[in-house]
Amino acid sequence: MESIEQVSINDLSKRDLLLLIKALEYTGESTKLEEFLNLKNNIVKELCFLTESTEEEFIHYLEENS
């Protein structure tokens, strides 16, 4: 197996990214495990920083362009 040192966001489609975010949110809310919600929030926070957008703008963009 190849070693993975860095995962690139470029390898994910907008649809897959939205699905990951929604799955983390759903799992966190359903299981009440904060780790899932924290991971979702950290991912979204970083992506919003990179795209200079709010969370609402970013999620809306993914939903409209998936």
Protein backbone atom coordinates (compact mmCIF):
# COMPACT_ATOMS: atom_id res chain seq x y z
CA MET A 1 0.00 0.00 0.00
CA GLU A 2 1.23 3.45 -0.83
CA SER A 3 1.90 5.68 2.14
CA ILE A 4 -0.35 8.69 2.33
CA GLU A 5 1.32 11.81 3.61
CA GLN A 6 -1.20 14.36 2.43
CA VAL A 7 -4.72 14.19 1.10
CA SER A 8 -5.70 16.80 -1.45
CA ILE A 9 -9.11 18.40 -1.54
CA ASN A 10 -8.71 18.57 -5.31
CA ASP A 11 -9.33 14.83 -5.47
CA LEU A 12 -12.89 15.22 -4.15
CA SER A 13 -15.88 16.33 -6.17
CA LYS A 14 -18.16 19.01 -4.75
CA ARG A 15 -20.84 16.36 -4.30
CA ASP A 16 -18.49 14.08 -2.36
CA LEU A 17 -17.35 16.95 -0.17
CA LEU A 18 -20.94 17.91 0.61
CA LEU A 19 -21.75 14.27 1.36
CA LEU A 20 -18.83 14.02 3.79
CA ILE A 21 -19.85 17.20 5.58
CA LYS A 22 -23.49 16.13 5.85
CA ALA A 23 -22.51 12.60 6.97
CA LEU A 24 -20.30 13.95 9.75
CA GLU A 25 -23.08 16.28 10.88
CA TYR A 26 -25.72 13.52 10.81
CA THR A 27 -23.48 11.04 12.63
CA GLY A 28 -22.54 13.59 15.28
CA GLU A 29 -26.14 14.52 15.92
CA SER A 30 -27.35 10.90 15.90
CA THR A 31 -24.63 9.46 18.14
CA LYS A 32 -24.10 12.56 20.30
CA LEU A 33 -20.34 12.11 19.79
CA GLU A 34 -18.74 15.54 19.65
CA GLU A 35 -15.76 14.23 17.65
CA PHE A 36 -17.86 13.99 14.49
CA LEU A 37 -19.27 17.49 14.86
CA ASN A 38 -15.84 18.89 15.71
CA LEU A 39 -14.32 17.28 12.62
CA LYS A 40 -17.12 18.62 10.42
CA ASN A 41 -16.75 22.09 11.91
CA ASN A 42 -12.96 22.07 11.49
CA ILE A 43 -13.20 20.99 7.86
CA VAL A 44 -15.83 23.61 7.05
CA LYS A 45 -13.93 26.31 8.95
CA GLU A 46 -10.74 25.62 6.95
CA LEU A 47 -12.58 25.53 3.64
CA CYS A 48 -14.37 28.78 4.42
CA PHE A 49 -11.04 30.38 5.26
CA LEU A 50 -9.56 29.18 1.96
CA THR A 51 -12.55 30.34 -0.07
CA GLU A 52 -13.10 33.54 1.92
CA SER A 53 -16.74 32.71 2.51
CA THR A 54 -19.12 32.09 5.38
CA GLU A 55 -20.27 28.58 6.27
CA GLU A 56 -23.72 29.34 4.87
CA GLU A 57 -22.28 30.62 1.59
CA PHE A 58 -19.95 27.65 1.26
CA ILE A 59 -22.60 24.99 1.97
CA HIS A 60 -25.04 26.75 -0.36
CA TYR A 61 -22.38 26.76 -3.09
CA LEU A 62 -21.81 23.01 -2.65
CA GLU A 63 -25.54 22.29 -2.67
CA GLU A 64 -26.13 24.35 -5.81
CA ASN A 65 -23.10 23.01 -7.72
CA SER A 66 -23.16 19.32 -6.84
